[in-house]
Amino acid sequence: MEKNIAVLLASGVEEAELFITIDVLKRLNLNVNLISVNEINDNLKIETNNGNIIISNSYIDKFSNLEKFDSIFIPGGLKSVETILKNKQLLSMIKKEFDQNKIIAAICAAPLILDTFNDKSLNFTIYPSLNNRLINKDKYINEKVVINNNVITGNGVGNTFAFAFAFAQLIIKDKVKITNLMDKMLYKKDK
């Protein structure tokens, strides 16, 4: 069965976190959908944190919910994340998927979104300088990647490969396939 991943992004998205993660997912034949959540949906263009332009597949306005997706990926980039945080309807859509135990992956600044859910059982990591913005500071774990049930968080761009492979493992649950891809990409896990 084909797995569908919603990638929620707005201008200012951290391009390395975005592209490394979706590259790993696509190499595993997962269906990745880039969804623009920009406040003004005049076109599908997203400007990354480095000024590069990418084209999303669709706008968030085309969806009344995210139920058709097996998982949600929210890359970092504080500007992109702040756009999502301003959109109460979108936050509600993400929270609904969280409540239904869908796999949700958030890296760098994006765990700020998960923090708004006020789920006392959710532990996560975040870009270290942003932990002062957390509502639930006691849920912060200073690690590269944290997996908490169906939620995976990463602390930043330097750990994106570890984050991406752990996210993929949650989705496909095939350690051999993941290990083979790591080998092909010359990725070595920390011991």
C-alpha atoms as a PDB file:
ATOM      1  CA  MET A   1       0.000   0.000   0.000  1.00  0.00           C
ATOM      2  CA  GLU A   2       1.380   3.383  -1.003  1.00  0.00           C
ATOM      3  CA  LYS A   3       2.054   5.749   1.888  1.00  0.00           C
ATOM      4  CA  ASN A   4       1.203   9.440   1.510  1.00  0.00           C
ATOM      5  CA  ILE A   5       3.085  12.104   3.423  1.00  0.00           C
ATOM      6  CA  ALA A   6       1.872  15.691   3.742  1.00  0.00           C
ATOM      7  CA  VAL A   7       4.754  18.159   3.922  1.00  0.00           C
ATOM      8  CA  LEU A   8       3.546  21.458   5.358  1.00  0.00           C
ATOM      9  CA  LEU A   9       5.690  24.433   4.416  1.00  0.00           C
ATOM     10  CA  ALA A  10       5.660  28.174   4.026  1.00  0.00           C
ATOM     11  CA  SER A  11       8.167  30.730   2.887  1.00  0.00           C
ATOM     12  CA  GLY A  12      11.251  30.671   5.076  1.00  0.00           C
ATOM     13  CA  VAL A  13      11.337  26.867   5.263  1.00  0.00           C
ATOM     14  CA  GLU A  14      14.758  25.392   6.090  1.00  0.00           C
ATOM     15  CA  GLU A  15      15.660  23.904   2.735  1.00  0.00           C
ATOM     16  CA  ALA A  16      18.252  21.351   3.892  1.00  0.00           C
ATOM     17  CA  GLU A  17      15.805  19.826   6.405  1.00  0.00           C
ATOM     18  CA  LEU A  18      13.122  19.781   3.722  1.00  0.00           C
ATOM     19  CA  PHE A  19      15.159  18.334   0.860  1.00  0.00           C
ATOM     20  CA  ILE A  20      17.187  15.778   2.799  1.00  0.00           C
ATOM     21  CA  THR A  21      14.067  14.379   4.436  1.00  0.00           C
ATOM     22  CA  ILE A  22      11.954  14.218   1.292  1.00  0.00           C
ATOM     23  CA  ASP A  23      14.881  12.730  -0.636  1.00  0.00           C
ATOM     24  CA  VAL A  24      15.127   9.859   1.869  1.00  0.00           C
ATOM     25  CA  LEU A  25      11.348   9.344   1.734  1.00  0.00           C
ATOM     26  CA  LYS A  26      11.231   9.356  -2.073  1.00  0.00           C
ATOM     27  CA  ARG A  27      14.122   6.885  -2.318  1.00  0.00           C
ATOM     28  CA  LEU A  28      11.853   4.545  -0.333  1.00  0.00           C
ATOM     29  CA  ASN A  29       9.071   5.104  -2.900  1.00  0.00           C
ATOM     30  CA  LEU A  30       6.879   7.074  -0.525  1.00  0.00           C
ATOM     31  CA  ASN A  31       4.459   9.620  -1.968  1.00  0.00           C
ATOM     32  CA  VAL A  32       5.483  13.098  -0.807  1.00  0.00           C
ATOM     33  CA  ASN A  33       3.034  16.002  -1.159  1.00  0.00           C
ATOM     34  CA  LEU A  34       4.435  19.516  -0.725  1.00  0.00           C
ATOM     35  CA  ILE A  35       1.596  21.642   0.620  1.00  0.00           C
ATOM     36  CA  SER A  36       1.921  25.408   0.772  1.00  0.00           C
ATOM     37  CA  VAL A  37       0.559  26.965   3.939  1.00  0.00           C
ATOM     38  CA  ASN A  38       1.556  30.510   2.988  1.00  0.00           C
ATOM     39  CA  GLU A  39      -0.893  33.139   4.188  1.00  0.00           C
ATOM     40  CA  ILE A  40      -1.421  34.418   0.654  1.00  0.00           C
ATOM     41  CA  ASN A  41      -2.054  31.576  -1.783  1.00  0.00           C
ATOM     42  CA  ASP A  42      -1.477  33.507  -4.995  1.00  0.00           C
ATOM     43  CA  ASN A  43       0.797  30.804  -6.427  1.00  0.00           C
ATOM     44  CA  LEU A  44       2.509  27.574  -5.491  1.00  0.00           C
ATOM     45  CA  LYS A  45       5.942  29.158  -5.049  1.00  0.00           C
ATOM     46  CA  ILE A  46       7.707  28.893  -1.702  1.00  0.00           C
ATOM     47  CA  GLU A  47      10.868  30.881  -0.980  1.00  0.00           C
ATOM     48  CA  THR A  48      13.244  28.907   1.235  1.00  0.00           C
ATOM     49  CA  ASN A  49      15.373  30.324   4.023  1.00  0.00           C
ATOM     50  CA  ASN A  50      18.225  30.738   1.501  1.00  0.00           C
ATOM     51  CA  GLY A  51      16.116  32.515  -1.113  1.00  0.00           C
ATOM     52  CA  ASN A  52      15.671  29.555  -3.451  1.00  0.00           C
ATOM     53  CA  ILE A  53      12.240  29.029  -4.980  1.00  0.00           C
ATOM     54  CA  ILE A  54      10.467  25.688  -4.859  1.00  0.00           C
ATOM     55  CA  ILE A  55       7.063  24.806  -6.224  1.00  0.00           C
ATOM     56  CA  SER A  56       4.592  23.077  -3.920  1.00  0.00           C
ATOM     57  CA  ASN A  57       2.068  20.523  -5.193  1.00  0.00           C
ATOM     58  CA  SER A  58      -0.971  22.273  -3.695  1.00  0.00           C
ATOM     59  CA  TYR A  59      -2.310  24.782  -1.183  1.00  0.00           C
ATOM     60  CA  ILE A  60      -3.609  23.916   2.258  1.00  0.00           C
ATOM     61  CA  ASP A  61      -6.909  25.574   1.244  1.00  0.00           C
ATOM     62  CA  LYS A  62      -7.606  22.552  -0.990  1.00  0.00           C
ATOM     63  CA  PHE A  63      -7.957  20.347   2.096  1.00  0.00           C
ATOM     64  CA  SER A  64     -10.648  20.454   4.748  1.00  0.00           C
ATOM     65  CA  ASN A  65      -8.567  17.966   6.725  1.00  0.00           C
ATOM     66  CA  LEU A  66      -5.397  15.891   6.451  1.00  0.00           C
ATOM     67  CA  GLU A  67      -7.055  12.481   6.817  1.00  0.00           C
ATOM     68  CA  LYS A  68      -5.948  11.195   3.407  1.00  0.00           C
ATOM     69  CA  PHE A  69      -2.316  11.351   4.517  1.00  0.00           C
ATOM     70  CA  ASP A  70      -0.566   8.610   6.463  1.00  0.00           C
ATOM     71  CA  SER A  71       1.820  11.051   8.091  1.00  0.00           C
ATOM     72  CA  ILE A  72       2.726  14.713   8.344  1.00  0.00           C
ATOM     73  CA  PHE A  73       6.192  16.227   8.043  1.00  0.00           C
ATOM     74  CA  ILE A  74       6.843  19.794   9.189  1.00  0.00           C
ATOM     75  CA  PRO A  75      10.339  21.051   8.370  1.00  0.00           C
ATOM     76  CA  GLY A  76      11.937  23.870  10.306  1.00  0.00           C
ATOM     77  CA  GLY A  77      12.708  27.412   9.443  1.00  0.00           C
ATOM     78  CA  LEU A  78      11.323  29.732  12.092  1.00  0.00           C
ATOM     79  CA  LYS A  79       9.518  31.971   9.583  1.00  0.00           C
ATOM     80  CA  SER A  80       7.725  28.958   8.052  1.00  0.00           C
ATOM     81  CA  VAL A  81       6.806  27.575  11.474  1.00  0.00           C
ATOM     82  CA  GLU A  82       5.502  30.952  12.654  1.00  0.00           C
ATOM     83  CA  THR A  83       3.202  31.053   9.607  1.00  0.00           C
ATOM     84  CA  ILE A  84       1.747  27.697  10.676  1.00  0.00           C
ATOM     85  CA  LEU A  85       1.428  28.845  14.302  1.00  0.00           C
ATOM     86  CA  LYS A  86      -0.719  31.804  13.160  1.00  0.00           C
ATOM     87  CA  ASN A  87      -3.152  29.530  11.303  1.00  0.00           C
ATOM     88  CA  LYS A  88      -5.574  28.215  13.959  1.00  0.00           C
ATOM     89  CA  GLN A  89      -7.500  26.090  11.443  1.00  0.00           C
ATOM     90  CA  LEU A  90      -4.303  24.388  10.291  1.00  0.00           C
ATOM     91  CA  LEU A  91      -3.180  23.828  13.898  1.00  0.00           C
ATOM     92  CA  SER A  92      -6.540  22.191  14.537  1.00  0.00           C
ATOM     93  CA  MET A  93      -6.084  19.950  11.482  1.00  0.00           C
ATOM     94  CA  ILE A  94      -2.613  18.863  12.666  1.00  0.00           C
ATOM     95  CA  LYS A  95      -3.899  18.300  16.211  1.00  0.00           C
ATOM     96  CA  LYS A  96      -6.699  16.088  14.892  1.00  0.00           C
ATOM     97  CA  GLU A  97      -4.154  13.870  13.116  1.00  0.00           C
ATOM     98  CA  PHE A  98      -2.000  13.834  16.265  1.00  0.00           C
ATOM     99  CA  ASP A  99      -5.030  12.729  18.308  1.00  0.00           C
ATOM    100  CA  GLN A 100      -5.632   9.923  15.807  1.00  0.00           C
ATOM    101  CA  ASN A 101      -2.051   8.685  16.301  1.00  0.00           C
ATOM    102  CA  LYS A 102      -0.875   9.548  12.807  1.00  0.00           C
ATOM    103  CA  ILE A 103       2.886   9.773  12.424  1.00  0.00           C
ATOM    104  CA  ILE A 104       4.000  13.377  12.793  1.00  0.00           C
ATOM    105  CA  ALA A 105       7.567  14.492  12.188  1.00  0.00           C
ATOM    106  CA  ALA A 106       8.835  17.938  13.152  1.00  0.00           C
ATOM    107  CA  ILE A 107      12.394  19.253  13.064  1.00  0.00           C
ATOM    108  CA  CYS A 108      14.245  22.367  14.246  1.00  0.00           C
ATOM    109  CA  ALA A 109      11.622  25.044  15.075  1.00  0.00           C
ATOM    110  CA  ALA A 110       8.631  22.879  14.059  1.00  0.00           C
ATOM    111  CA  PRO A 111       8.248  21.173  17.473  1.00  0.00           C
ATOM    112  CA  LEU A 112       6.891  24.560  18.640  1.00  0.00           C
ATOM    113  CA  ILE A 113       3.721  23.467  16.821  1.00  0.00           C
ATOM    114  CA  LEU A 114       3.503  20.193  18.755  1.00  0.00           C
ATOM    115  CA  ASP A 115       4.100  22.078  21.995  1.00  0.00           C
ATOM    116  CA  THR A 116       0.821  23.967  21.471  1.00  0.00           C
ATOM    117  CA  PHE A 117      -1.066  20.677  21.890  1.00  0.00           C
ATOM    118  CA  ASN A 118      -0.228  20.659  25.624  1.00  0.00           C
ATOM    119  CA  ASP A 119      -0.005  16.877  25.637  1.00  0.00           C
ATOM    120  CA  LYS A 120       1.692  16.002  28.930  1.00  0.00           C
ATOM    121  CA  SER A 121       2.876  12.617  27.615  1.00  0.00           C
ATOM    122  CA  LEU A 122       4.738  14.127  24.650  1.00  0.00           C
ATOM    123  CA  ASN A 123       8.508  14.518  24.998  1.00  0.00           C
ATOM    124  CA  PHE A 124      10.419  16.197  22.185  1.00  0.00           C
ATOM    125  CA  THR A 125      13.567  17.941  21.100  1.00  0.00           C
ATOM    126  CA  ILE A 126      13.823  21.301  19.362  1.00  0.00           C
ATOM    127  CA  TYR A 127      16.491  23.664  18.080  1.00  0.00           C
ATOM    128  CA  PRO A 128      18.299  24.466  21.360  1.00  0.00           C
ATOM    129  CA  SER A 129      17.899  28.256  21.312  1.00  0.00           C
ATOM    130  CA  LEU A 130      14.116  27.846  20.945  1.00  0.00           C
ATOM    131  CA  ASN A 131      13.525  25.822  24.106  1.00  0.00           C
ATOM    132  CA  ASN A 132      12.913  29.119  25.935  1.00  0.00           C
ATOM    133  CA  ARG A 133       9.779  29.573  23.775  1.00  0.00           C
ATOM    134  CA  LEU A 134       8.237  26.281  24.856  1.00  0.00           C
ATOM    135  CA  ILE A 135       5.026  26.182  26.878  1.00  0.00           C
ATOM    136  CA  ASN A 136       5.992  22.766  28.271  1.00  0.00           C
ATOM    137  CA  LYS A 137       9.694  23.302  28.980  1.00  0.00           C
ATOM    138  CA  ASP A 138       9.802  20.166  31.140  1.00  0.00           C
ATOM    139  CA  LYS A 139       9.008  18.021  28.046  1.00  0.00           C
ATOM    140  CA  TYR A 140      12.185  19.156  26.226  1.00  0.00           C
ATOM    141  CA  ILE A 141      14.910  16.523  25.815  1.00  0.00           C
ATOM    142  CA  ASN A 142      18.349  17.690  24.669  1.00  0.00           C
ATOM    143  CA  GLU A 143      18.894  14.993  22.007  1.00  0.00           C
ATOM    144  CA  LYS A 144      19.429  14.983  18.248  1.00  0.00           C
ATOM    145  CA  VAL A 145      16.270  12.964  17.568  1.00  0.00           C
ATOM    146  CA  VAL A 146      13.440  11.987  19.925  1.00  0.00           C
ATOM    147  CA  ILE A 147      10.801   9.384  19.099  1.00  0.00           C
ATOM    148  CA  ASN A 148       7.711   9.478  21.298  1.00  0.00           C
ATOM    149  CA  ASN A 149       5.134   6.924  20.094  1.00  0.00           C
ATOM    150  CA  ASN A 150       4.112   8.199  16.633  1.00  0.00           C
ATOM    151  CA  VAL A 151       5.836  11.557  16.953  1.00  0.00           C
ATOM    152  CA  ILE A 152       9.420  12.158  15.922  1.00  0.00           C
ATOM    153  CA  THR A 153      11.302  15.385  16.490  1.00  0.00           C
ATOM    154  CA  GLY A 154      14.762  16.508  15.462  1.00  0.00           C
ATOM    155  CA  ASN A 155      16.818  19.370  16.811  1.00  0.00           C
ATOM    156  CA  GLY A 156      18.230  20.859  13.624  1.00  0.00           C
ATOM    157  CA  VAL A 157      19.766  20.766  10.206  1.00  0.00           C
ATOM    158  CA  GLY A 158      22.983  18.998  11.241  1.00  0.00           C
ATOM    159  CA  ASN A 159      20.984  15.970  12.335  1.00  0.00           C
ATOM    160  CA  THR A 160      18.577  15.823   9.420  1.00  0.00           C
ATOM    161  CA  PHE A 161      19.808  12.484   8.051  1.00  0.00           C
ATOM    162  CA  ALA A 162      19.331  10.785  11.444  1.00  0.00           C
ATOM    163  CA  PHE A 163      15.888  12.390  11.682  1.00  0.00           C
ATOM    164  CA  ALA A 164      14.893  11.410   8.127  1.00  0.00           C
ATOM    165  CA  PHE A 165      15.897   7.757   8.518  1.00  0.00           C
ATOM    166  CA  ALA A 166      14.128   7.477  11.876  1.00  0.00           C
ATOM    167  CA  PHE A 167      11.003   9.064  10.348  1.00  0.00           C
ATOM    168  CA  ALA A 168      11.119   6.657   7.406  1.00  0.00           C
ATOM    169  CA  GLN A 169      11.468   3.712   9.793  1.00  0.00           C
ATOM    170  CA  LEU A 170       8.308   4.805  11.622  1.00  0.00           C
ATOM    171  CA  ILE A 171       6.435   4.913   8.320  1.00  0.00           C
ATOM    172  CA  ILE A 172       7.555   1.722   6.589  1.00  0.00           C
ATOM    173  CA  LYS A 173       8.632  -0.371   9.593  1.00  0.00           C
ATOM    174  CA  ASP A 174      11.238  -2.210   7.501  1.00  0.00           C
ATOM    175  CA  LYS A 175      14.645  -2.043   9.149  1.00  0.00           C
ATOM    176  CA  VAL A 176      16.360  -3.950   6.326  1.00  0.00           C
ATOM    177  CA  LYS A 177      15.102  -1.517   3.689  1.00  0.00           C
ATOM    178  CA  ILE A 178      16.193   1.451   5.808  1.00  0.00           C
ATOM    179  CA  THR A 179      19.629  -0.054   6.489  1.00  0.00           C
ATOM    180  CA  ASN A 180      20.117  -0.807   2.781  1.00  0.00           C
ATOM    181  CA  LEU A 181      19.284   2.798   1.912  1.00  0.00           C
ATOM    182  CA  MET A 182      21.654   4.083   4.606  1.00  0.00           C
ATOM    183  CA  ASP A 183      24.417   1.959   3.081  1.00  0.00           C
ATOM    184  CA  LYS A 184      23.653   3.181  -0.460  1.00  0.00           C
ATOM    185  CA  MET A 185      23.732   6.786   0.754  1.00  0.00           C
ATOM    186  CA  LEU A 186      26.944   6.147   2.749  1.00  0.00           C
ATOM    187  CA  TYR A 187      25.226   7.190   5.957  1.00  0.00           C
ATOM    188  CA  LYS A 188      26.694   5.837   9.183  1.00  0.00           C
ATOM    189  CA  LYS A 189      24.595   5.935  12.344  1.00  0.00           C
ATOM    190  CA  ASP A 190      26.137   7.230  15.545  1.00  0.00           C
ATOM    191  CA  LYS A 191      27.255   4.373  17.753  1.00  0.00           C
END
